[in-house]
Amino acid sequence: MKKLKIYLDTSVINFLFADDAPEYQSVTKTFFDEYLDEYEVFISEIVLAEINATPQPVRKRLLLSAVETDKIRIIENDKQQEISTLAAKYVECGIIPSNKHEDALHVAFCTAYEIDILLSWNFKHLASIKKQIMVNAINETEEYQKRLYLLNPLEVVYEK
C-alpha cells in the first residue's frame, strides 16, 4: 500500500521541545520516534523560514536538527505563484485570518503538492474539522480534486 503524504507545520516540530505542554510533547516525540517511517513526511521552505526566525539560537538549532533527517524531505517549491494565489483565497474567504498568512501558505502548499495530511497542533487556525471542510470547499471550486485532511498528531499516532 502506498504511504500517505504528511506535511508537518512548524507547531509539530516546536512541540518536540515544549516542556510546558508534556502531553503534546510526548505525542509529538512518539510520532517522530515511531511513525515517521509510516508516512512520506514533508516540510517546506515556509517551515524553514519560521524556524530560522526563532530568536533563541539554541532553540533554533534544536528545531533545525529535528528536521535534518532523511525521513523528512523538503519540497523544492516550483509553484510559488499558485501557492500565493491559493493562500490569498483562503484569507479572502475568511478561512485563515490575514495576520496568519504563513498558516494559509502551509495549507496552499499542501493543496498544490497534493499532500494527504497537514499535521498541526494549531487547533485555532489549522487542525480543525470546520477549517478542513472550508478548505476543501475552496479547493474544489478552484478545481483541486484531492482532499486535504487537517489533523493533529493525536489523530495519526496509534494507527499502526
Protein backbone atom coordinates (compact mmCIF):
# COMPACT_ATOMS: atom_id res chain seq x y z
CA MET A 1 0.00 0.00 0.00
CA LYS A 2 1.22 3.48 -0.87
CA LYS A 3 2.30 5.62 2.08
CA LEU A 4 0.25 8.70 2.88
CA LYS A 5 1.97 12.05 2.45
CA ILE A 6 2.16 14.15 5.62
CA TYR A 7 3.24 17.77 5.84
CA LEU A 8 4.49 18.98 9.21
CA ASP A 9 3.73 22.55 10.08
CA THR A 10 6.12 24.32 12.44
CA SER A 11 3.96 23.75 15.53
CA VAL A 12 4.57 20.00 15.36
CA ILE A 13 8.32 20.50 15.33
CA ASN A 14 8.10 23.07 18.13
CA PHE A 15 6.24 20.66 20.40
CA LEU A 16 9.20 18.28 20.38
CA PHE A 17 10.73 20.78 22.81
CA ALA A 18 7.59 22.07 24.58
CA ASP A 19 8.41 21.24 28.18
CA ASP A 20 5.43 23.35 29.26
CA ALA A 21 3.00 21.00 27.43
CA PRO A 22 4.17 17.49 28.38
CA GLU A 23 1.16 15.66 26.89
CA TYR A 24 1.57 17.20 23.45
CA GLN A 25 5.34 16.86 23.69
CA SER A 26 5.01 13.14 24.44
CA VAL A 27 2.68 12.51 21.49
CA THR A 28 4.95 14.52 19.20
CA LYS A 29 8.01 12.57 20.30
CA THR A 30 6.12 9.31 19.76
CA PHE A 31 5.24 10.45 16.24
CA PHE A 32 8.87 11.33 15.47
CA ASP A 33 10.28 8.18 17.09
CA GLU A 34 7.78 5.60 15.86
CA TYR A 35 5.75 6.94 12.93
CA LEU A 36 7.99 8.84 10.52
CA ASP A 37 8.61 5.60 8.61
CA GLU A 38 4.86 5.03 8.21
CA TYR A 39 4.42 8.12 6.02
CA GLU A 40 6.15 10.19 3.37
CA VAL A 41 6.94 13.23 5.52
CA PHE A 42 7.49 16.71 4.11
CA ILE A 43 8.17 20.27 5.14
CA SER A 44 8.55 23.38 3.01
CA GLU A 45 10.72 26.47 2.92
CA ILE A 46 7.87 28.13 4.84
CA VAL A 47 8.61 25.85 7.81
CA LEU A 48 12.34 26.51 7.48
CA ALA A 49 11.74 30.28 7.39
CA GLU A 50 9.63 30.08 10.54
CA ILE A 51 12.30 28.00 12.29
CA ASN A 52 15.04 30.39 11.15
CA ALA A 53 13.04 33.30 12.60
CA THR A 54 13.31 31.71 16.06
CA PRO A 55 15.04 34.33 18.21
CA GLN A 56 16.72 31.91 20.63
CA PRO A 57 19.84 30.41 18.96
CA VAL A 58 19.80 27.18 20.99
CA ARG A 59 16.12 26.56 20.27
CA LYS A 60 16.65 27.32 16.58
CA ARG A 61 19.47 24.75 16.40
CA LEU A 62 17.26 22.14 18.11
CA LEU A 63 14.41 22.78 15.68
CA LEU A 64 16.68 22.62 12.63
CA SER A 65 18.31 19.42 13.85
CA ALA A 66 14.86 17.83 14.26
CA VAL A 67 14.10 18.25 10.56
CA GLU A 68 17.58 17.39 9.31
CA THR A 69 16.85 13.73 8.84
CA ASP A 70 16.48 11.57 5.78
CA LYS A 71 12.95 10.77 6.98
CA ILE A 72 11.74 14.34 6.36
CA ARG A 73 12.01 15.82 2.88
CA ILE A 74 11.94 19.48 1.96
CA ILE A 75 9.82 20.04 -1.11
CA GLU A 76 11.50 22.38 -3.55
CA ASN A 77 8.82 24.90 -4.37
CA ASP A 78 8.31 25.47 -8.08
CA LYS A 79 4.68 26.55 -7.63
CA GLN A 80 5.22 29.88 -5.82
CA GLN A 81 2.56 31.87 -7.73
CA GLU A 82 -0.05 29.11 -7.44
CA ILE A 83 0.57 28.80 -3.70
CA SER A 84 0.46 32.57 -3.12
CA THR A 85 -2.80 32.88 -5.05
CA LEU A 86 -4.42 29.99 -3.20
CA ALA A 87 -3.25 31.27 0.20
CA ALA A 88 -4.76 34.66 -0.60
CA LYS A 89 -8.04 32.91 -1.44
CA TYR A 90 -8.13 31.19 1.98
CA VAL A 91 -7.59 34.56 3.66
CA GLU A 92 -10.10 36.35 1.41
CA CYS A 93 -12.75 33.74 2.21
CA GLY A 94 -12.14 34.11 5.95
CA ILE A 95 -10.80 30.59 6.49
CA ILE A 96 -7.42 31.83 7.73
CA PRO A 97 -7.03 35.27 9.36
CA SER A 98 -5.00 37.79 7.37
CA ASN A 99 -2.45 38.10 10.19
CA LYS A 100 -1.77 34.32 9.93
CA HIS A 101 -0.59 34.34 6.32
CA GLU A 102 2.01 31.60 6.95
CA ASP A 103 -0.81 29.25 8.00
CA ALA A 104 -2.58 29.96 4.71
CA LEU A 105 0.68 29.24 2.89
CA HIS A 106 1.04 25.87 4.67
CA VAL A 107 -2.46 24.88 3.53
CA ALA A 108 -1.90 26.13 -0.01
CA PHE A 109 1.41 24.32 -0.19
CA CYS A 110 -0.26 21.04 0.80
CA THR A 111 -3.02 21.58 -1.73
CA ALA A 112 -0.69 22.44 -4.61
CA TYR A 113 1.57 19.45 -3.91
CA GLU A 114 -1.30 17.01 -3.27
CA ILE A 115 -0.31 16.19 0.29
CA ASP A 116 -2.78 13.93 2.11
CA ILE A 117 -2.48 15.36 5.64
CA LEU A 118 -1.38 18.68 7.07
CA LEU A 119 -0.29 17.84 10.61
CA SER A 120 -0.51 20.65 13.16
CA TRP A 121 -1.01 21.40 16.83
CA ASN A 122 -2.62 24.70 15.79
CA PHE A 123 -6.25 23.95 16.61
CA LYS A 124 -7.41 27.51 16.10
CA HIS A 125 -6.28 28.04 12.51
CA LEU A 126 -5.40 24.64 11.06
CA ALA A 127 -6.22 21.34 12.81
CA SER A 128 -9.99 21.75 12.82
CA ILE A 129 -12.80 19.89 11.08
CA LYS A 130 -14.52 23.20 10.27
CA LYS A 131 -11.36 24.57 8.64
CA GLN A 132 -10.88 21.26 6.80
CA ILE A 133 -14.39 21.43 5.34
CA MET A 134 -13.97 25.07 4.29
CA VAL A 135 -10.51 24.49 2.78
CA ASN A 136 -11.74 21.52 0.77
CA ALA A 137 -14.76 23.52 -0.44
CA ILE A 138 -12.47 26.29 -1.72
CA ASN A 139 -10.10 23.72 -3.22
CA GLU A 140 -12.97 22.11 -5.06
CA THR A 141 -14.13 25.44 -6.52
CA GLU A 142 -10.52 26.07 -7.57
CA GLU A 143 -10.53 22.64 -9.29
CA TYR A 144 -8.22 20.79 -6.91
CA GLN A 145 -9.58 17.26 -6.68
CA LYS A 146 -7.51 15.78 -3.85
CA ARG A 147 -8.98 16.17 -0.36
CA LEU A 148 -6.70 17.60 2.31
CA TYR A 149 -7.01 16.42 5.91
CA LEU A 150 -6.12 18.92 8.63
CA LEU A 151 -5.17 16.75 11.59
CA ASN A 152 -3.24 16.89 14.85
CA PRO A 153 -0.62 14.30 15.84
CA LEU A 154 -3.06 12.50 18.16
CA GLU A 155 -5.07 11.57 15.08
CA VAL A 156 -2.21 9.79 13.35
CA VAL A 157 -0.37 8.25 16.30
CA TYR A 158 -1.54 4.79 17.35
CA GLU A 159 -2.77 3.98 13.84
CA LYS A 160 -0.40 1.02 13.42
